[in-house]
Amino acid sequence: LHVAPFGTFVHSTLAAPFDKAKLT
């Protein structure tokens, strides 16, 4: 039971003034 090869996708959402981020 493992993370599949290349199995993560980390992307972020920011809004001006870019002082907060949400990572999915």
PDB file of all heavy atoms in Angstrom:
ATOM      1  N   LEU A   1       0.862  -1.178   0.000  1.00  0.00           N
ATOM      2  CA  LEU A   1       0.000   0.000   0.000  1.00  0.00           C
ATOM      3  C   LEU A   1       0.900   1.231   0.000  1.00  0.00           C
ATOM      4  O   LEU A   1       1.645   1.469   0.962  1.00  0.00           O
ATOM      5  CB  LEU A   1      -0.910  -0.008   1.233  1.00  0.00           C
ATOM      6  CG  LEU A   1      -2.051   1.019   1.238  1.00  0.00           C
ATOM      7  CD1 LEU A   1      -3.079   0.688   0.177  1.00  0.00           C
ATOM      8  CD2 LEU A   1      -2.703   1.094   2.612  1.00  0.00           C
ATOM      9  N   HIS A   2       0.855   2.023  -1.055  1.00  0.00           N
ATOM     10  CA  HIS A   2       1.841   3.082  -1.220  1.00  0.00           C
ATOM     11  C   HIS A   2       1.314   4.181  -2.129  1.00  0.00           C
ATOM     12  O   HIS A   2       0.330   3.991  -2.853  1.00  0.00           O
ATOM     13  CB  HIS A   2       3.135   2.512  -1.818  1.00  0.00           C
ATOM     14  CG  HIS A   2       2.916   1.837  -3.139  1.00  0.00           C
ATOM     15  ND1 HIS A   2       2.542   0.510  -3.241  1.00  0.00           N
ATOM     16  CD2 HIS A   2       3.001   2.292  -4.418  1.00  0.00           C
ATOM     17  CE1 HIS A   2       2.404   0.188  -4.518  1.00  0.00           C
ATOM     18  NE2 HIS A   2       2.670   1.255  -5.242  1.00  0.00           N
ATOM     19  N   VAL A   3       1.989   5.313  -2.102  1.00  0.00           N
ATOM     20  CA  VAL A   3       1.714   6.371  -3.066  1.00  0.00           C
ATOM     21  C   VAL A   3       2.203   5.898  -4.431  1.00  0.00           C
ATOM     22  O   VAL A   3       3.347   5.466  -4.574  1.00  0.00           O
ATOM     23  CB  VAL A   3       2.410   7.686  -2.671  1.00  0.00           C
ATOM     24  CG1 VAL A   3       2.169   8.754  -3.732  1.00  0.00           C
ATOM     25  CG2 VAL A   3       1.904   8.166  -1.311  1.00  0.00           C
ATOM     26  N   ALA A   4       1.334   5.975  -5.424  1.00  0.00           N
ATOM     27  CA  ALA A   4       1.677   5.503  -6.759  1.00  0.00           C
ATOM     28  C   ALA A   4       2.814   6.335  -7.344  1.00  0.00           C
ATOM     29  O   ALA A   4       3.037   7.484  -6.929  1.00  0.00           O
ATOM     30  CB  ALA A   4       0.453   5.581  -7.667  1.00  0.00           C
ATOM     31  N   PRO A   5       3.561   5.797  -8.308  1.00  0.00           N
ATOM     32  CA  PRO A   5       4.603   6.600  -8.959  1.00  0.00           C
ATOM     33  C   PRO A   5       4.032   7.909  -9.504  1.00  0.00           C
ATOM     34  O   PRO A   5       3.012   7.911 -10.188  1.00  0.00           O
ATOM     35  CB  PRO A   5       5.086   5.679 -10.085  1.00  0.00           C
ATOM     36  CG  PRO A   5       4.801   4.303  -9.608  1.00  0.00           C
ATOM     37  CD  PRO A   5       3.520   4.417  -8.822  1.00  0.00           C
ATOM     38  N   PHE A   6       4.696   9.015  -9.155  1.00  0.00           N
ATOM     39  CA  PHE A   6       4.242  10.362  -9.542  1.00  0.00           C
ATOM     40  C   PHE A   6       2.799  10.584  -9.083  1.00  0.00           C
ATOM     41  O   PHE A   6       2.002  11.221  -9.771  1.00  0.00           O
ATOM     42  CB  PHE A   6       4.373  10.566 -11.052  1.00  0.00           C
ATOM     43  CG  PHE A   6       5.682  10.082 -11.617  1.00  0.00           C
ATOM     44  CD1 PHE A   6       5.731   9.052 -12.541  1.00  0.00           C
ATOM     45  CD2 PHE A   6       6.873  10.629 -11.184  1.00  0.00           C
ATOM     46  CE1 PHE A   6       6.938   8.590 -13.041  1.00  0.00           C
ATOM     47  CE2 PHE A   6       8.092  10.182 -11.675  1.00  0.00           C
ATOM     48  CZ  PHE A   6       8.127   9.156 -12.611  1.00  0.00           C
ATOM     49  N   GLY A   7       2.486  10.085  -7.893  1.00  0.00           N
ATOM     50  CA  GLY A   7       1.107  10.025  -7.440  1.00  0.00           C
ATOM     51  C   GLY A   7       0.620  11.217  -6.644  1.00  0.00           C
ATOM     52  O   GLY A   7      -0.512  11.186  -6.139  1.00  0.00           O
ATOM     53  N   THR A   8       1.439  12.255  -6.468  1.00  0.00           N
ATOM     54  CA  THR A   8       0.969  13.449  -5.780  1.00  0.00           C
ATOM     55  C   THR A   8       0.877  14.616  -6.755  1.00  0.00           C
ATOM     56  O   THR A   8       1.658  14.722  -7.700  1.00  0.00           O
ATOM     57  CB  THR A   8       1.900  13.845  -4.621  1.00  0.00           C
ATOM     58  OG1 THR A   8       3.222  14.058  -5.133  1.00  0.00           O
ATOM     59  CG2 THR A   8       1.927  12.785  -3.546  1.00  0.00           C
ATOM     60  N   PHE A   9      -0.078  15.480  -6.512  1.00  0.00           N
ATOM     61  CA  PHE A   9      -0.231  16.716  -7.276  1.00  0.00           C
ATOM     62  C   PHE A   9      -0.532  17.813  -6.267  1.00  0.00           C
ATOM     63  O   PHE A   9      -1.615  17.862  -5.681  1.00  0.00           O
ATOM     64  CB  PHE A   9      -1.342  16.587  -8.309  1.00  0.00           C
ATOM     65  CG  PHE A   9      -1.516  17.798  -9.188  1.00  0.00           C
ATOM     66  CD1 PHE A   9      -0.498  18.725  -9.357  1.00  0.00           C
ATOM     67  CD2 PHE A   9      -2.705  18.015  -9.879  1.00  0.00           C
ATOM     68  CE1 PHE A   9      -0.646  19.835 -10.175  1.00  0.00           C
ATOM     69  CE2 PHE A   9      -2.874  19.112 -10.699  1.00  0.00           C
ATOM     70  CZ  PHE A   9      -1.840  20.022 -10.852  1.00  0.00           C
ATOM     71  N   VAL A  10       0.455  18.697  -6.028  1.00  0.00           N
ATOM     72  CA  VAL A  10       0.330  19.759  -5.042  1.00  0.00           C
ATOM     73  C   VAL A  10       0.239  21.082  -5.793  1.00  0.00           C
ATOM     74  O   VAL A  10       1.171  21.468  -6.502  1.00  0.00           O
ATOM     75  CB  VAL A  10       1.547  19.774  -4.084  1.00  0.00           C
ATOM     76  CG1 VAL A  10       1.350  20.823  -2.999  1.00  0.00           C
ATOM     77  CG2 VAL A  10       1.763  18.401  -3.477  1.00  0.00           C
ATOM     78  N   HIS A  11      -0.875  21.766  -5.645  1.00  0.00           N
ATOM     79  CA  HIS A  11      -1.029  23.054  -6.322  1.00  0.00           C
ATOM     80  C   HIS A  11      -1.687  24.051  -5.369  1.00  0.00           C
ATOM     81  O   HIS A  11      -2.412  23.685  -4.444  1.00  0.00           O
ATOM     82  CB  HIS A  11      -1.827  22.921  -7.617  1.00  0.00           C
ATOM     83  CG  HIS A  11      -3.103  22.147  -7.499  1.00  0.00           C
ATOM     84  ND1 HIS A  11      -4.327  22.741  -7.317  1.00  0.00           N
ATOM     85  CD2 HIS A  11      -3.350  20.805  -7.545  1.00  0.00           C
ATOM     86  CE1 HIS A  11      -5.275  21.819  -7.268  1.00  0.00           C
ATOM     87  NE2 HIS A  11      -4.714  20.628  -7.401  1.00  0.00           N
ATOM     88  N   SER A  12      -1.387  25.318  -5.592  1.00  0.00           N
ATOM     89  CA  SER A  12      -1.802  26.352  -4.655  1.00  0.00           C
ATOM     90  C   SER A  12      -2.711  27.371  -5.316  1.00  0.00           C
ATOM     91  O   SER A  12      -2.639  27.619  -6.521  1.00  0.00           O
ATOM     92  CB  SER A  12      -0.570  27.060  -4.069  1.00  0.00           C
ATOM     93  OG  SER A  12       0.278  27.523  -5.096  1.00  0.00           O
ATOM     94  N   THR A  13      -3.565  27.983  -4.493  1.00  0.00           N
ATOM     95  CA  THR A  13      -4.452  29.059  -4.919  1.00  0.00           C
ATOM     96  C   THR A  13      -4.143  30.287  -4.076  1.00  0.00           C
ATOM     97  O   THR A  13      -4.118  30.205  -2.844  1.00  0.00           O
ATOM     98  CB  THR A  13      -5.928  28.664  -4.736  1.00  0.00           C
ATOM     99  OG1 THR A  13      -6.196  27.461  -5.471  1.00  0.00           O
ATOM    100  CG2 THR A  13      -6.846  29.768  -5.227  1.00  0.00           C
ATOM    101  N   LEU A  14      -3.886  31.410  -4.743  1.00  0.00           N
ATOM    102  CA  LEU A  14      -3.596  32.665  -4.055  1.00  0.00           C
ATOM    103  C   LEU A  14      -4.477  33.763  -4.616  1.00  0.00           C
ATOM    104  O   LEU A  14      -4.927  33.689  -5.754  1.00  0.00           O
ATOM    105  CB  LEU A  14      -2.131  33.068  -4.228  1.00  0.00           C
ATOM    106  CG  LEU A  14      -1.066  32.128  -3.685  1.00  0.00           C
ATOM    107  CD1 LEU A  14      -0.316  31.478  -4.833  1.00  0.00           C
ATOM    108  CD2 LEU A  14      -0.100  32.884  -2.777  1.00  0.00           C
ATOM    109  N   ALA A  15      -4.694  34.767  -3.819  1.00  0.00           N
ATOM    110  CA  ALA A  15      -5.406  35.965  -4.269  1.00  0.00           C
ATOM    111  C   ALA A  15      -4.663  37.183  -3.735  1.00  0.00           C
ATOM    112  O   ALA A  15      -4.051  37.131  -2.657  1.00  0.00           O
ATOM    113  CB  ALA A  15      -6.849  35.961  -3.774  1.00  0.00           C
ATOM    114  N   ALA A  16      -4.676  38.269  -4.505  1.00  0.00           N
ATOM    115  CA  ALA A  16      -3.997  39.497  -4.079  1.00  0.00           C
ATOM    116  C   ALA A  16      -4.501  39.910  -2.696  1.00  0.00           C
ATOM    117  O   ALA A  16      -5.693  39.797  -2.412  1.00  0.00           O
ATOM    118  CB  ALA A  16      -4.247  40.609  -5.090  1.00  0.00           C
ATOM    119  N   PRO A  17      -3.606  40.296  -1.796  1.00  0.00           N
ATOM    120  CA  PRO A  17      -2.185  40.624  -1.998  1.00  0.00           C
ATOM    121  C   PRO A  17      -1.242  39.429  -1.804  1.00  0.00           C
ATOM    122  O   PRO A  17      -0.085  39.621  -1.419  1.00  0.00           O
ATOM    123  CB  PRO A  17      -1.934  41.704  -0.949  1.00  0.00           C
ATOM    124  CG  PRO A  17      -2.820  41.291   0.199  1.00  0.00           C
ATOM    125  CD  PRO A  17      -4.062  40.718  -0.441  1.00  0.00           C
ATOM    126  N   PHE A  18      -1.712  38.217  -2.041  1.00  0.00           N
ATOM    127  CA  PHE A  18      -0.871  37.016  -2.031  1.00  0.00           C
ATOM    128  C   PHE A  18      -0.233  36.748  -0.672  1.00  0.00           C
ATOM    129  O   PHE A  18       0.910  36.274  -0.589  1.00  0.00           O
ATOM    130  CB  PHE A  18       0.219  37.107  -3.112  1.00  0.00           C
ATOM    131  CG  PHE A  18      -0.324  37.360  -4.486  1.00  0.00           C
ATOM    132  CD1 PHE A  18      -0.095  38.573  -5.123  1.00  0.00           C
ATOM    133  CD2 PHE A  18      -1.088  36.407  -5.133  1.00  0.00           C
ATOM    134  CE1 PHE A  18      -0.604  38.819  -6.384  1.00  0.00           C
ATOM    135  CE2 PHE A  18      -1.606  36.645  -6.396  1.00  0.00           C
ATOM    136  CZ  PHE A  18      -1.369  37.847  -7.026  1.00  0.00           C
ATOM    137  N   ASP A  19      -0.955  37.063   0.402  1.00  0.00           N
ATOM    138  CA  ASP A  19      -0.441  36.795   1.741  1.00  0.00           C
ATOM    139  C   ASP A  19      -1.087  35.569   2.371  1.00  0.00           C
ATOM    140  O   ASP A  19      -0.788  35.220   3.512  1.00  0.00           O
ATOM    141  CB  ASP A  19      -0.641  38.009   2.656  1.00  0.00           C
ATOM    142  CG  ASP A  19      -2.102  38.411   2.763  1.00  0.00           C
ATOM    143  OD1 ASP A  19      -2.927  37.916   1.956  1.00  0.00           O
ATOM    144  OD2 ASP A  19      -2.432  39.226   3.647  1.00  0.00           O
ATOM    145  N   LYS A  20      -1.964  34.913   1.620  1.00  0.00           N
ATOM    146  CA  LYS A  20      -2.585  33.670   2.074  1.00  0.00           C
ATOM    147  C   LYS A  20      -2.608  32.690   0.904  1.00  0.00           C
ATOM    148  O   LYS A  20      -2.843  33.078  -0.239  1.00  0.00           O
ATOM    149  CB  LYS A  20      -4.008  33.905   2.591  1.00  0.00           C
ATOM    150  CG  LYS A  20      -4.102  34.772   3.839  1.00  0.00           C
ATOM    151  CD  LYS A  20      -5.538  34.931   4.281  1.00  0.00           C
ATOM    152  CE  LYS A  20      -5.640  35.850   5.500  1.00  0.00           C
ATOM    153  NZ  LYS A  20      -4.977  35.254   6.682  1.00  0.00           N
ATOM    154  N   ALA A  21      -2.371  31.435   1.214  1.00  0.00           N
ATOM    155  CA  ALA A  21      -2.361  30.400   0.182  1.00  0.00           C
ATOM    156  C   ALA A  21      -3.156  29.194   0.658  1.00  0.00           C
ATOM    157  O   ALA A  21      -3.143  28.856   1.847  1.00  0.00           O
ATOM    158  CB  ALA A  21      -0.934  29.984  -0.158  1.00  0.00           C
ATOM    159  N   LYS A  22      -3.843  28.569  -0.277  1.00  0.00           N
ATOM    160  CA  LYS A  22      -4.497  27.293  -0.005  1.00  0.00           C
ATOM    161  C   LYS A  22      -3.850  26.246  -0.894  1.00  0.00           C
ATOM    162  O   LYS A  22      -3.869  26.348  -2.118  1.00  0.00           O
ATOM    163  CB  LYS A  22      -5.996  27.361  -0.293  1.00  0.00           C
ATOM    164  CG  LYS A  22      -6.719  26.043   0.042  1.00  0.00           C
ATOM    165  CD  LYS A  22      -8.201  26.109  -0.269  1.00  0.00           C
ATOM    166  CE  LYS A  22      -8.459  25.991  -1.763  1.00  0.00           C
ATOM    167  NZ  LYS A  22      -9.899  25.868  -2.081  1.00  0.00           N
ATOM    168  N   LEU A  23      -3.238  25.241  -0.262  1.00  0.00           N
ATOM    169  CA  LEU A  23      -2.610  24.153  -0.996  1.00  0.00           C
ATOM    170  C   LEU A  23      -3.585  22.987  -1.103  1.00  0.00           C
ATOM    171  O   LEU A  23      -4.142  22.532  -0.091  1.00  0.00           O
ATOM    172  CB  LEU A  23      -1.335  23.683  -0.296  1.00  0.00           C
ATOM    173  CG  LEU A  23      -0.033  24.405  -0.660  1.00  0.00           C
ATOM    174  CD1 LEU A  23      -0.092  25.860  -0.213  1.00  0.00           C
ATOM    175  CD2 LEU A  23       1.163  23.696  -0.065  1.00  0.00           C
ATOM    176  N   THR A  24      -3.800  22.550  -2.313  1.00  0.00           N
ATOM    177  CA  THR A  24      -4.608  21.356  -2.564  1.00  0.00           C
ATOM    178  C   THR A  24      -3.657  20.202  -2.872  1.00  0.00           C
ATOM    179  O   THR A  24      -2.776  20.328  -3.724  1.00  0.00           O
ATOM    180  CB  THR A  24      -5.564  21.575  -3.739  1.00  0.00           C
ATOM    181  OG1 THR A  24      -6.430  22.673  -3.436  1.00  0.00           O
ATOM    182  CG2 THR A  24      -6.413  20.339  -3.994  1.00  0.00           C
TER     183      THR A  24
END
